[in-house]
Amino acid sequence: MSHHTHGHPTVSAKPMSRRNLLQALAASSVAVGLGAFAAPTAASALAAPAALPTASGGARLVPINRIGIQLFTIRDKVSSLGFRAVFEELARIGYSEVEFAGYTQGQVGAITPAEIRQLLDDNGLRAVGSHATLNPANIDAQLETANTLGMQFLGQGGPIAGGRTDAAWVTAAQTWNQMGVKAKAAGIKLYTHTHQGEWNWTTDASGANTNRRVYDLLWTEFDPDLVSFEMDIYWAYVGRHLFPGFEPVEYLKRDPRRFPLVHLKDGKLNPANGNGYDIIEFGAGDIPYAQILKELQRNRGQRFGMYEQDNASSTAAGGNPINSLGNADRSYAKIAALRG
């Protein structure tokens, strides 16, 4: 695997990831006593950045121990290199959190959830959530896997219902509430990941519910104690482009506790794309993340920010080589650099 390195001449401009801390130690006499492969303690990793000047001042908008990645972004690497090599690289970059998109590693060979958990622990990574396809027939097994991996949350990547009828989405929400009771008993919170379609209006609502968005139906029908949301901010902006009349940040501010996870996916404006945007690596797009996250700063500790880029294995910004882990590396640096 080729290792992309940042072109930062000093450590101070970047958060103190494991890589930066080791670089800093190697440049000091401390390294002599610790040895080249000393792992930072949790205390040192968290305490070190406070003593360093930041690039632009102000509080970090995504806490350093809450920068995560949805593994769908680097699915080609999981399939070709396996979880062990991928987790080692994510830890080197500085990621703390992982959101799964399946528990297989392609041609690398069979692996069990317990073995994946060991690799997470070996690399100081935490499993936060997962995109699975959940239903009453598999929820028990899915919760067992989630517990083995140590997740707080368990979710679904695709829509939980088809079409746009009130009845279909209300029924789906009720099913999710029922599964949520089981999840809560297992110490896990369910969540749904939404795309642009949930920002469209339902077709058969009447009375007070006329012109209601699917998202608003779910907001009403989900028991917030049992089912949460993972807003994909990119797809919310696509929804705003296609079905205008709302601001994504207003939902996030309405009740931050209902959004324990958010997808930090960037988009570049493109009028030729029916969605209004092209997916691009974080920091190379036009979605106003600094502004959005500043508005949420008061509650920033409540959210897990997961970088995701659907096309990371086929596109690269700024003339960089095509390499999904390279995109993950650059995107981490841009997320970590956001200041309020």
Protein backbone atom coordinates (compact mmCIF):
# COMPACT_ATOMS: atom_id res chain seq x y z
CA MET A 1 0.00 0.00 0.00
CA SER A 2 1.38 3.42 -0.85
CA HIS A 3 1.49 5.76 2.12
CA HIS A 4 0.43 9.30 1.33
CA THR A 5 2.00 11.84 3.65
CA HIS A 6 0.86 15.37 4.29
CA GLY A 7 3.09 18.17 3.16
CA HIS A 8 2.95 19.93 6.51
CA PRO A 9 6.43 21.07 7.57
CA THR A 10 5.52 21.22 11.26
CA VAL A 11 3.30 19.27 13.60
CA SER A 12 1.60 22.35 15.00
CA ALA A 13 -0.67 22.96 12.00
CA LYS A 14 -2.28 19.53 12.38
CA PRO A 15 -4.02 17.72 15.24
CA MET A 16 -1.87 15.35 17.22
CA SER A 17 -2.67 12.04 15.59
CA ARG A 18 -0.64 8.97 16.46
CA ARG A 19 1.51 9.68 13.39
CA ASN A 20 2.19 13.28 14.36
CA LEU A 21 2.93 12.41 17.95
CA LEU A 22 5.50 9.82 16.88
CA GLN A 23 7.04 12.32 14.48
CA ALA A 24 7.27 14.88 17.26
CA LEU A 25 8.79 12.34 19.63
CA ALA A 26 11.28 11.21 17.02
CA ALA A 27 12.47 14.80 16.66
CA SER A 28 13.05 15.15 20.40
CA SER A 29 15.24 13.52 23.01
CA VAL A 30 12.14 11.86 24.48
CA ALA A 31 12.21 9.38 21.62
CA VAL A 32 15.47 7.93 22.90
CA GLY A 33 13.78 6.78 26.08
CA LEU A 34 10.50 5.70 24.53
CA GLY A 35 11.80 3.91 21.47
CA ALA A 36 10.70 4.54 17.92
CA PHE A 37 7.52 2.48 18.19
CA ALA A 38 6.19 3.76 21.49
CA ALA A 39 2.41 4.16 21.35
CA PRO A 40 1.01 7.36 22.86
CA THR A 41 -1.17 6.97 25.91
CA ALA A 42 -4.73 8.28 25.74
CA ALA A 43 -3.75 11.07 28.14
CA SER A 44 -0.74 12.20 26.13
CA ALA A 45 -2.60 12.04 22.82
CA LEU A 46 -5.36 14.24 24.18
CA ALA A 47 -3.20 16.58 26.23
CA ALA A 48 -0.54 17.27 23.62
CA PRO A 49 -2.57 19.38 21.15
CA ALA A 50 -3.66 21.85 23.82
CA ALA A 51 -0.12 23.12 24.19
CA LEU A 52 0.31 23.70 20.46
CA PRO A 53 -0.86 26.76 18.53
CA THR A 54 -3.68 26.03 16.11
CA ALA A 55 -3.68 27.07 12.49
CA SER A 56 -6.47 29.63 12.74
CA GLY A 57 -7.38 29.75 16.43
CA GLY A 58 -10.71 28.83 17.97
CA ALA A 59 -12.10 25.52 19.07
CA ARG A 60 -11.91 22.52 16.79
CA LEU A 61 -15.34 22.07 15.18
CA VAL A 62 -15.08 18.26 15.08
CA PRO A 63 -13.46 16.92 18.26
CA ILE A 64 -10.23 15.11 17.52
CA ASN A 65 -11.47 11.88 19.09
CA ARG A 66 -14.69 11.98 17.08
CA ILE A 67 -13.36 12.00 13.51
CA GLY A 68 -14.60 8.84 11.86
CA ILE A 69 -14.92 7.20 8.47
CA GLN A 70 -17.69 5.17 6.85
CA LEU A 71 -15.81 2.19 5.41
CA PHE A 72 -17.95 2.29 2.26
CA THR A 73 -15.57 5.10 1.28
CA ILE A 74 -12.62 2.69 1.07
CA ARG A 75 -14.51 -0.50 0.28
CA ASP A 76 -12.06 -1.27 -2.54
CA LYS A 77 -9.20 -1.31 -0.02
CA VAL A 78 -11.12 -3.43 2.49
CA SER A 79 -11.74 -5.92 -0.31
CA SER A 80 -8.17 -5.94 -1.69
CA LEU A 81 -6.08 -5.39 1.46
CA GLY A 82 -8.34 -6.57 4.28
CA PHE A 83 -9.36 -5.04 7.58
CA ARG A 84 -5.95 -5.39 9.24
CA ALA A 85 -4.05 -3.27 6.70
CA VAL A 86 -6.91 -0.78 6.37
CA PHE A 87 -7.23 -0.27 10.13
CA GLU A 88 -3.47 0.21 10.45
CA GLU A 89 -3.60 2.92 7.79
CA LEU A 90 -6.68 4.63 9.28
CA ALA A 91 -4.96 4.74 12.68
CA ARG A 92 -1.81 6.14 11.06
CA ILE A 93 -3.88 8.90 9.45
CA GLY A 94 -5.46 9.71 12.82
CA TYR A 95 -9.04 8.43 12.58
CA SER A 96 -10.66 7.35 15.87
CA GLU A 97 -14.03 6.03 14.73
CA VAL A 98 -15.20 3.48 12.18
CA GLU A 99 -18.66 2.95 10.70
CA PHE A 100 -19.04 -0.40 8.96
CA ALA A 101 -20.58 -1.19 5.58
CA GLY A 102 -20.46 -4.98 5.90
CA TYR A 103 -18.21 -7.40 7.74
CA THR A 104 -16.44 -9.16 4.87
CA GLN A 105 -13.06 -8.45 3.30
CA GLY A 106 -13.43 -9.71 -0.26
CA GLN A 107 -10.56 -11.73 -1.64
CA VAL A 108 -8.55 -11.44 1.59
CA GLY A 109 -10.59 -14.24 3.14
CA ALA A 110 -13.09 -15.08 5.85
CA ILE A 111 -13.05 -13.14 9.11
CA THR A 112 -15.33 -13.21 12.16
CA PRO A 113 -16.76 -10.21 14.03
CA ALA A 114 -14.63 -11.18 17.03
CA GLU A 115 -11.51 -11.10 14.85
CA ILE A 116 -12.52 -7.71 13.44
CA ARG A 117 -13.00 -6.43 17.01
CA GLN A 118 -9.49 -7.57 17.90
CA LEU A 119 -8.08 -5.65 14.92
CA LEU A 120 -10.01 -2.53 15.97
CA ASP A 121 -8.63 -2.79 19.50
CA ASP A 122 -5.11 -3.45 18.22
CA ASN A 123 -5.23 -0.18 16.30
CA GLY A 124 -7.01 1.97 18.89
CA LEU A 125 -10.13 2.34 16.73
CA ARG A 126 -13.75 2.33 17.93
CA ALA A 127 -16.68 0.89 16.02
CA VAL A 128 -19.44 3.48 16.29
CA GLY A 129 -22.10 2.22 13.91
CA SER A 130 -22.88 0.13 10.87
CA HIS A 131 -24.95 0.24 7.72
CA ALA A 132 -26.82 -3.05 7.58
CA THR A 133 -30.20 -3.99 6.14
CA LEU A 134 -32.31 -4.50 9.24
CA ASN A 135 -35.59 -6.38 9.60
CA PRO A 136 -37.38 -8.27 12.38
CA ALA A 137 -35.95 -11.57 11.12
CA ASN A 138 -32.30 -10.56 11.43
CA ILE A 139 -32.30 -7.89 14.15
CA ASP A 140 -31.21 -10.28 16.93
CA ALA A 141 -28.21 -11.53 14.95
CA GLN A 142 -27.31 -7.99 13.85
CA LEU A 143 -27.42 -6.74 17.45
CA GLU A 144 -25.20 -9.61 18.55
CA THR A 145 -22.61 -8.66 15.91
CA ALA A 146 -22.87 -4.99 16.88
CA ASN A 147 -22.23 -5.88 20.52
CA THR A 148 -19.24 -8.01 19.61
CA LEU A 149 -17.79 -5.03 17.72
CA GLY A 150 -18.56 -2.67 20.61
CA MET A 151 -20.96 -0.36 18.77
CA GLN A 152 -23.21 2.20 20.42
CA PHE A 153 -25.35 2.49 17.31
CA LEU A 154 -26.66 0.22 14.56
CA GLY A 155 -28.14 1.59 11.37
CA GLN A 156 -29.21 1.06 7.80
CA GLY A 157 -27.68 2.69 4.74
CA GLY A 158 -30.68 2.54 2.41
CA PRO A 159 -34.25 3.78 2.81
CA ILE A 160 -36.43 1.88 5.27
CA ALA A 161 -39.47 2.00 2.94
CA GLY A 162 -40.20 2.31 -0.76
CA GLY A 163 -42.34 4.84 -2.58
CA ARG A 164 -43.80 7.98 -1.03
CA THR A 165 -47.06 6.90 0.58
CA ASP A 166 -47.73 7.81 4.16
CA ALA A 167 -48.82 4.25 4.91
CA ALA A 168 -45.55 2.67 3.76
CA TRP A 169 -43.36 4.99 5.81
CA VAL A 170 -45.56 4.93 8.92
CA THR A 171 -45.57 1.13 8.85
CA ALA A 172 -41.79 1.07 8.42
CA ALA A 173 -41.31 3.52 11.29
CA GLN A 174 -43.47 1.38 13.56
CA THR A 175 -41.40 -1.70 12.67
CA TRP A 176 -38.23 0.23 13.48
CA ASN A 177 -39.64 1.32 16.83
CA GLN A 178 -40.32 -2.36 17.60
CA MET A 179 -36.76 -3.32 16.60
CA GLY A 180 -35.57 -0.34 18.63
CA VAL A 181 -37.01 -1.88 21.80
CA LYS A 182 -34.79 -4.93 21.24
CA ALA A 183 -31.82 -2.73 20.45
CA LYS A 184 -32.29 -0.69 23.61
CA ALA A 185 -32.37 -3.88 25.66
CA ALA A 186 -29.02 -4.76 24.07
CA GLY A 187 -27.59 -1.32 24.93
CA ILE A 188 -27.66 -0.11 21.32
CA LYS A 189 -29.55 2.70 19.56
CA LEU A 190 -30.89 2.21 16.04
CA TYR A 191 -30.48 4.89 13.38
CA THR A 192 -31.43 5.49 9.77
CA HIS A 193 -29.17 7.05 7.13
CA THR A 194 -31.11 9.21 4.69
CA HIS A 195 -30.57 10.27 1.08
CA GLN A 196 -32.35 12.87 -1.04
CA GLY A 197 -35.62 10.93 -1.33
CA GLU A 198 -36.57 11.40 2.31
CA TRP A 199 -36.69 15.16 1.69
CA ASN A 200 -39.43 14.70 -0.91
CA TRP A 201 -43.09 15.03 0.01
CA THR A 202 -45.40 12.14 0.71
CA THR A 203 -48.10 11.62 -1.89
CA ASP A 204 -51.26 10.64 -0.05
CA ALA A 205 -51.27 12.69 3.15
CA SER A 206 -54.37 14.68 3.98
CA GLY A 207 -55.49 17.36 6.40
CA ALA A 208 -52.74 18.72 8.61
CA ASN A 209 -50.21 16.34 7.02
CA THR A 210 -50.63 17.62 3.46
CA ASN A 211 -47.30 18.68 1.94
CA ARG A 212 -45.36 16.80 4.60
CA ARG A 213 -41.86 15.62 3.81
CA VAL A 214 -40.98 11.99 4.42
CA TYR A 215 -38.30 13.26 6.83
CA ASP A 216 -40.94 15.07 8.87
CA LEU A 217 -43.11 11.97 8.93
CA LEU A 218 -40.16 9.98 10.35
CA TRP A 219 -39.44 12.77 12.81
CA THR A 220 -42.97 12.37 14.14
CA GLU A 221 -43.29 8.58 13.93
CA PHE A 222 -39.93 7.46 15.35
CA ASP A 223 -39.78 7.13 19.11
CA PRO A 224 -36.70 9.33 19.73
CA ASP A 225 -35.76 7.09 22.63
CA LEU A 226 -35.48 4.11 20.27
CA VAL A 227 -34.52 5.34 16.78
CA SER A 228 -32.15 8.16 15.79
CA PHE A 229 -31.13 9.83 12.55
CA GLU A 230 -27.82 9.96 10.74
CA MET A 231 -28.06 13.00 8.50
CA ASP A 232 -25.93 12.72 5.39
CA ILE A 233 -25.35 16.44 4.92
CA TYR A 234 -24.46 16.03 1.25
CA TRP A 235 -27.73 14.25 0.47
CA ALA A 236 -29.62 16.82 2.54
CA TYR A 237 -28.18 19.54 0.27
CA VAL A 238 -29.21 17.52 -2.78
CA GLY A 239 -32.68 17.31 -1.21
CA ARG A 240 -32.64 21.07 -0.68
CA HIS A 241 -31.75 21.49 -4.37
CA LEU A 242 -34.48 19.13 -5.60
CA PHE A 243 -37.21 19.87 -3.02
CA PRO A 244 -36.43 23.38 -1.72
CA GLY A 245 -37.87 25.06 1.32
CA PHE A 246 -35.71 23.81 4.19
CA GLU A 247 -32.22 24.22 5.62
CA PRO A 248 -30.48 21.03 6.76
CA VAL A 249 -28.82 22.75 9.73
CA GLU A 250 -32.23 23.71 11.14
CA TYR A 251 -33.05 20.02 11.61
CA LEU A 252 -29.71 19.39 13.29
CA LYS A 253 -30.31 22.36 15.63
CA ARG A 254 -33.91 21.41 16.36
CA ASP A 255 -32.85 18.47 18.53
CA PRO A 256 -29.15 17.57 18.36
CA ARG A 257 -29.73 14.48 20.49
CA ARG A 258 -31.61 12.89 17.60
CA PHE A 259 -28.46 13.07 15.44
CA PRO A 260 -25.76 11.08 17.23
CA LEU A 261 -24.07 10.53 13.85
CA VAL A 262 -23.71 12.76 10.81
CA HIS A 263 -22.05 12.06 7.48
CA LEU A 264 -19.47 14.68 6.56
CA LYS A 265 -19.71 14.20 2.81
CA ASP A 266 -18.73 17.09 0.56
CA GLY A 267 -20.22 18.13 -2.76
CA LYS A 268 -19.08 20.44 -5.55
CA LEU A 269 -21.74 22.52 -7.26
CA ASN A 270 -22.45 21.26 -10.77
CA PRO A 271 -25.50 22.59 -12.65
CA ALA A 272 -25.11 19.78 -15.21
CA ASN A 273 -25.75 17.18 -12.51
CA GLY A 274 -29.44 16.68 -11.77
CA ASN A 275 -28.57 16.47 -8.08
CA GLY A 276 -26.96 19.93 -8.25
CA TYR A 277 -23.68 18.60 -6.82
CA ASP A 278 -20.96 16.06 -7.52
CA ILE A 279 -19.61 14.04 -4.57
CA ILE A 280 -16.02 15.03 -3.83
CA GLU A 281 -13.44 14.55 -1.09
CA PHE A 282 -13.93 16.65 2.02
CA GLY A 283 -12.75 20.23 1.78
CA ALA A 284 -12.76 20.34 -2.02
CA GLY A 285 -16.48 21.06 -2.32
CA ASP A 286 -19.00 23.86 -1.82
CA ILE A 287 -21.07 22.66 1.14
CA PRO A 288 -20.46 25.26 3.90
CA TYR A 289 -19.24 22.86 6.58
CA ALA A 290 -17.44 25.45 8.71
CA GLN A 291 -20.62 27.53 8.86
CA ILE A 292 -22.83 24.50 9.56
CA LEU A 293 -20.58 23.14 12.31
CA LYS A 294 -20.14 26.58 13.91
CA GLU A 295 -23.91 26.75 14.31
CA LEU A 296 -23.78 23.36 16.02
CA GLN A 297 -20.69 24.09 18.11
CA ARG A 298 -22.54 24.30 21.41
CA ASN A 299 -23.57 20.67 21.05
CA ARG A 300 -20.52 19.44 19.18
CA GLY A 301 -19.63 16.79 21.75
CA GLN A 302 -22.90 14.98 21.06
CA ARG A 303 -22.17 14.07 17.45
CA PHE A 304 -19.90 11.62 15.70
CA GLY A 305 -18.67 13.07 12.40
CA MET A 306 -18.18 10.34 9.82
CA TYR A 307 -16.35 11.21 6.59
CA GLU A 308 -17.90 9.42 3.63
CA GLN A 309 -17.18 9.65 -0.09
CA ASP A 310 -18.99 7.22 -2.34
CA ASN A 311 -16.58 7.70 -5.26
CA ALA A 312 -13.25 7.89 -3.42
CA SER A 313 -11.87 4.90 -5.32
CA SER A 314 -12.43 6.55 -8.72
CA THR A 315 -11.87 10.30 -8.23
CA ALA A 316 -9.21 12.51 -6.65
CA ALA A 317 -9.11 16.27 -6.23
CA GLY A 318 -6.19 18.53 -7.06
CA GLY A 319 -4.46 16.17 -9.48
CA ASN A 320 -3.74 13.63 -6.75
CA PRO A 321 -3.40 9.96 -7.73
CA ILE A 322 -6.51 7.80 -7.62
CA ASN A 323 -6.36 6.13 -4.20
CA SER A 324 -9.31 6.02 -1.81
CA LEU A 325 -6.99 5.98 1.21
CA GLY A 326 -5.30 9.10 -0.12
CA ASN A 327 -8.70 10.79 -0.23
CA ALA A 328 -9.33 9.60 3.33
CA ASP A 329 -5.98 11.05 4.41
CA ARG A 330 -6.56 14.48 2.86
CA SER A 331 -10.18 14.58 4.06
CA TYR A 332 -9.10 13.80 7.63
CA ALA A 333 -6.70 16.74 7.54
CA LYS A 334 -9.42 19.09 6.26
CA ILE A 335 -11.95 17.96 8.89
CA ALA A 336 -9.39 18.27 11.67
CA ALA A 337 -8.43 21.76 10.51
CA LEU A 338 -11.97 23.16 10.85
CA ARG A 339 -12.00 25.80 13.57
CA GLY A 340 -14.78 27.88 15.09
